[in-house]
């Protein structure tokens, strides 16, 4: 059984700003933080989890799986800026 999210998610599918990504990546990738940022930015919890996954995945591996995708490149740029190493 999949639990329905109990918060607004009207920003689902809309572009992320660098400052939003910085906020997400400034905290550890925990379930509580995923939920906190999903609620704060009105997104789905899965999108926050994916941001953490892409931030922790090497650029080479992403290119092999996803190609040259704008959003993934944005995440990698922000994660590098704040000191994440993948």
N, C-alpha and C. Protein backbone atom coordinates (compact mmCIF):
# COMPACT_ATOMS: atom_id res chain seq x y z
N UNK A 1 0.84 -1.18 0.00
CA UNK A 1 0.00 0.00 0.00
C UNK A 1 0.89 1.25 0.00
N UNK A 2 0.66 2.16 -0.92
CA UNK A 2 1.42 3.39 -1.02
C UNK A 2 0.70 4.48 -0.23
N UNK A 3 1.46 5.12 0.65
CA UNK A 3 0.88 6.19 1.47
C UNK A 3 0.80 7.47 0.65
N UNK A 4 -0.37 8.09 0.65
CA UNK A 4 -0.55 9.35 -0.08
C UNK A 4 0.08 10.48 0.73
N UNK A 5 0.77 11.38 0.01
CA UNK A 5 1.39 12.51 0.68
C UNK A 5 0.32 13.42 1.26
N UNK A 6 0.61 13.94 2.44
CA UNK A 6 -0.38 14.72 3.16
C UNK A 6 -0.09 16.22 3.08
N UNK A 7 0.54 16.67 2.01
CA UNK A 7 0.84 18.08 1.85
C UNK A 7 0.63 18.47 0.40
N UNK A 8 0.56 19.77 0.19
CA UNK A 8 0.36 20.29 -1.17
C UNK A 8 1.58 19.98 -2.02
N UNK A 9 1.36 19.65 -3.27
CA UNK A 9 2.49 19.39 -4.17
C UNK A 9 2.26 20.06 -5.52
N UNK A 10 1.76 21.30 -5.46
CA UNK A 10 1.44 21.99 -6.71
C UNK A 10 2.67 22.40 -7.52
N UNK A 11 3.86 22.33 -6.93
CA UNK A 11 5.08 22.65 -7.68
C UNK A 11 5.68 21.42 -8.36
N UNK A 12 5.03 20.28 -8.19
CA UNK A 12 5.51 19.05 -8.80
C UNK A 12 5.66 19.24 -10.31
N UNK A 13 6.84 18.90 -10.82
CA UNK A 13 7.11 19.02 -12.24
C UNK A 13 7.61 20.38 -12.69
N UNK A 14 7.58 21.37 -11.81
CA UNK A 14 8.07 22.71 -12.16
C UNK A 14 9.59 22.77 -11.95
N UNK A 15 10.26 23.68 -12.64
CA UNK A 15 11.72 23.79 -12.49
C UNK A 15 12.13 24.16 -11.06
N UNK A 16 13.31 23.70 -10.68
CA UNK A 16 13.90 24.02 -9.39
C UNK A 16 14.86 25.18 -9.56
N UNK A 17 14.97 26.01 -8.52
CA UNK A 17 15.98 27.06 -8.53
C UNK A 17 17.25 26.51 -7.88
N UNK A 18 18.37 27.15 -8.17
CA UNK A 18 19.63 26.73 -7.54
C UNK A 18 19.54 26.88 -6.02
N UNK A 19 18.88 27.93 -5.54
CA UNK A 19 18.79 28.13 -4.08
C UNK A 19 17.95 27.04 -3.42
N UNK A 20 16.91 26.55 -4.09
CA UNK A 20 16.12 25.44 -3.54
C UNK A 20 16.98 24.18 -3.46
N UNK A 21 17.74 23.91 -4.53
CA UNK A 21 18.61 22.74 -4.52
C UNK A 21 19.69 22.86 -3.45
N UNK A 22 20.24 24.05 -3.27
CA UNK A 22 21.23 24.27 -2.22
C UNK A 22 20.65 23.97 -0.85
N UNK A 23 19.41 24.40 -0.63
CA UNK A 23 18.77 24.14 0.66
C UNK A 23 18.62 22.64 0.89
N UNK A 24 18.15 21.92 -0.10
CA UNK A 24 17.98 20.47 0.02
C UNK A 24 19.32 19.80 0.30
N UNK A 25 20.33 20.16 -0.49
CA UNK A 25 21.62 19.49 -0.38
C UNK A 25 22.44 19.97 0.81
N UNK A 26 21.94 20.96 1.53
CA UNK A 26 22.65 21.42 2.73
C UNK A 26 22.40 20.50 3.93
N UNK A 27 21.42 19.62 3.80
CA UNK A 27 21.09 18.67 4.87
C UNK A 27 21.38 17.24 4.42
N UNK A 28 21.51 16.36 5.39
CA UNK A 28 21.76 14.95 5.12
C UNK A 28 20.54 14.32 4.42
N UNK A 29 20.79 13.31 3.59
CA UNK A 29 19.69 12.66 2.88
C UNK A 29 18.93 11.66 3.75
N UNK A 30 18.18 12.17 4.69
CA UNK A 30 17.38 11.31 5.58
C UNK A 30 15.91 11.36 5.16
N UNK A 31 15.16 10.39 5.63
CA UNK A 31 13.72 10.35 5.33
C UNK A 31 13.04 11.62 5.86
N UNK A 32 13.41 12.03 7.08
CA UNK A 32 12.81 13.23 7.66
C UNK A 32 13.11 14.48 6.84
N UNK A 33 14.36 14.60 6.37
CA UNK A 33 14.72 15.76 5.56
C UNK A 33 14.02 15.73 4.21
N UNK A 34 13.87 14.55 3.62
CA UNK A 34 13.14 14.45 2.36
C UNK A 34 11.71 14.94 2.53
N UNK A 35 11.08 14.55 3.62
CA UNK A 35 9.71 14.97 3.88
C UNK A 35 9.65 16.46 4.18
N UNK A 36 10.62 16.96 4.96
CA UNK A 36 10.66 18.38 5.31
C UNK A 36 10.73 19.25 4.06
N UNK A 37 11.64 18.91 3.13
CA UNK A 37 11.81 19.72 1.93
C UNK A 37 10.67 19.52 0.94
N UNK A 38 10.10 18.34 0.90
CA UNK A 38 8.94 18.12 0.03
C UNK A 38 7.79 19.04 0.46
N UNK A 39 7.57 19.12 1.77
CA UNK A 39 6.52 20.00 2.28
C UNK A 39 6.86 21.47 2.05
N UNK A 40 8.12 21.84 2.33
CA UNK A 40 8.53 23.24 2.21
C UNK A 40 8.43 23.76 0.78
N UNK A 41 8.82 22.91 -0.18
CA UNK A 41 8.83 23.35 -1.57
C UNK A 41 7.63 22.86 -2.37
N UNK A 42 6.68 22.23 -1.66
CA UNK A 42 5.45 21.73 -2.28
C UNK A 42 5.75 20.81 -3.46
N UNK A 43 6.56 19.80 -3.16
CA UNK A 43 6.99 18.80 -4.15
C UNK A 43 6.69 17.41 -3.61
N UNK A 44 6.91 16.42 -4.43
CA UNK A 44 6.78 15.05 -3.97
C UNK A 44 8.05 14.62 -3.25
N UNK A 45 7.91 13.74 -2.27
CA UNK A 45 9.07 13.24 -1.52
C UNK A 45 10.06 12.54 -2.45
N UNK A 46 9.55 11.86 -3.45
CA UNK A 46 10.41 11.15 -4.39
C UNK A 46 11.34 12.08 -5.16
N UNK A 47 10.90 13.29 -5.43
CA UNK A 47 11.76 14.23 -6.15
C UNK A 47 12.94 14.66 -5.29
N UNK A 48 12.71 14.79 -3.99
CA UNK A 48 13.80 15.14 -3.07
C UNK A 48 14.78 13.98 -2.99
N UNK A 49 14.25 12.77 -2.87
CA UNK A 49 15.11 11.58 -2.83
C UNK A 49 15.96 11.49 -4.08
N UNK A 50 15.37 11.81 -5.24
CA UNK A 50 16.11 11.74 -6.50
C UNK A 50 17.22 12.78 -6.56
N UNK A 51 16.97 13.95 -6.02
CA UNK A 51 18.02 14.98 -5.97
C UNK A 51 19.22 14.47 -5.20
N UNK A 52 18.99 13.85 -4.05
CA UNK A 52 20.09 13.28 -3.27
C UNK A 52 20.81 12.18 -4.05
N UNK A 53 20.05 11.32 -4.72
CA UNK A 53 20.68 10.24 -5.49
C UNK A 53 21.57 10.78 -6.60
N UNK A 54 21.06 11.75 -7.35
CA UNK A 54 21.85 12.31 -8.44
C UNK A 54 23.07 13.07 -7.92
N UNK A 55 22.92 13.74 -6.79
CA UNK A 55 24.05 14.47 -6.21
C UNK A 55 25.17 13.50 -5.80
N UNK A 56 24.81 12.28 -5.43
CA UNK A 56 25.80 11.29 -4.97
C UNK A 56 26.30 10.38 -6.08
N UNK A 57 25.78 10.55 -7.29
CA UNK A 57 26.17 9.70 -8.41
C UNK A 57 27.19 10.44 -9.27
N UNK A 58 28.18 9.72 -9.76
CA UNK A 58 29.20 10.36 -10.59
C UNK A 58 28.61 10.88 -11.89
N UNK A 59 29.19 11.96 -12.38
CA UNK A 59 28.72 12.57 -13.64
C UNK A 59 28.80 11.55 -14.78
N UNK A 60 29.86 10.75 -14.80
CA UNK A 60 30.03 9.74 -15.85
C UNK A 60 28.89 8.73 -15.82
N UNK A 61 28.56 8.26 -14.64
CA UNK A 61 27.48 7.28 -14.50
C UNK A 61 26.13 7.87 -14.92
N UNK A 62 25.91 9.13 -14.57
CA UNK A 62 24.67 9.79 -14.96
C UNK A 62 24.60 9.92 -16.48
N UNK A 63 25.70 10.32 -17.10
CA UNK A 63 25.73 10.47 -18.56
C UNK A 63 25.40 9.15 -19.26
N UNK A 64 25.89 8.04 -18.70
CA UNK A 64 25.62 6.73 -19.28
C UNK A 64 24.14 6.37 -19.17
N UNK A 65 23.53 6.73 -18.04
CA UNK A 65 22.14 6.33 -17.79
C UNK A 65 21.13 7.35 -18.29
N UNK A 66 21.44 8.65 -18.16
CA UNK A 66 20.45 9.69 -18.43
C UNK A 66 20.81 10.60 -19.60
N UNK A 67 22.05 10.56 -20.04
CA UNK A 67 22.46 11.49 -21.10
C UNK A 67 22.72 12.87 -20.52
N UNK A 68 22.71 13.84 -21.38
CA UNK A 68 23.00 15.22 -20.98
C UNK A 68 21.70 15.92 -20.64
N UNK A 69 21.22 15.74 -19.45
CA UNK A 69 19.93 16.27 -19.03
C UNK A 69 20.11 17.55 -18.22
N UNK A 70 19.37 18.58 -18.55
CA UNK A 70 19.51 19.90 -17.94
C UNK A 70 19.36 19.86 -16.40
N UNK A 71 18.32 19.22 -15.90
CA UNK A 71 18.07 19.19 -14.46
C UNK A 71 19.18 18.45 -13.71
N UNK A 72 19.63 17.34 -14.26
CA UNK A 72 20.70 16.59 -13.61
C UNK A 72 21.97 17.43 -13.60
N UNK A 73 22.25 18.12 -14.69
CA UNK A 73 23.42 19.01 -14.74
C UNK A 73 23.31 20.12 -13.70
N UNK A 74 22.12 20.63 -13.50
CA UNK A 74 21.90 21.68 -12.49
C UNK A 74 22.19 21.12 -11.10
N UNK A 75 21.71 19.93 -10.81
CA UNK A 75 21.97 19.31 -9.50
C UNK A 75 23.46 19.11 -9.30
N UNK A 76 24.15 18.60 -10.33
CA UNK A 76 25.59 18.36 -10.21
C UNK A 76 26.34 19.68 -10.00
N UNK A 77 25.92 20.74 -10.68
CA UNK A 77 26.57 22.05 -10.52
C UNK A 77 26.40 22.56 -9.09
N UNK A 78 25.19 22.48 -8.57
CA UNK A 78 24.91 22.95 -7.21
C UNK A 78 25.62 22.08 -6.18
N UNK A 79 25.59 20.77 -6.37
CA UNK A 79 26.23 19.88 -5.40
C UNK A 79 27.74 20.12 -5.36
N UNK A 80 28.33 20.38 -6.50
CA UNK A 80 29.76 20.68 -6.55
C UNK A 80 30.05 22.00 -5.83
N UNK A 81 29.19 22.98 -6.07
CA UNK A 81 29.35 24.31 -5.45
C UNK A 81 29.36 24.23 -3.93
N UNK A 82 28.50 23.37 -3.37
CA UNK A 82 28.43 23.31 -1.90
C UNK A 82 29.31 22.22 -1.31
N UNK A 83 30.07 21.53 -2.16
CA UNK A 83 31.09 20.62 -1.65
C UNK A 83 30.76 19.14 -1.63
N UNK A 84 29.68 18.73 -2.29
CA UNK A 84 29.39 17.29 -2.37
C UNK A 84 30.38 16.65 -3.32
N UNK A 85 30.84 15.45 -2.98
CA UNK A 85 31.77 14.73 -3.83
C UNK A 85 31.13 13.41 -4.21
N UNK A 86 31.09 13.14 -5.53
CA UNK A 86 30.52 11.86 -5.99
C UNK A 86 31.53 11.14 -6.83
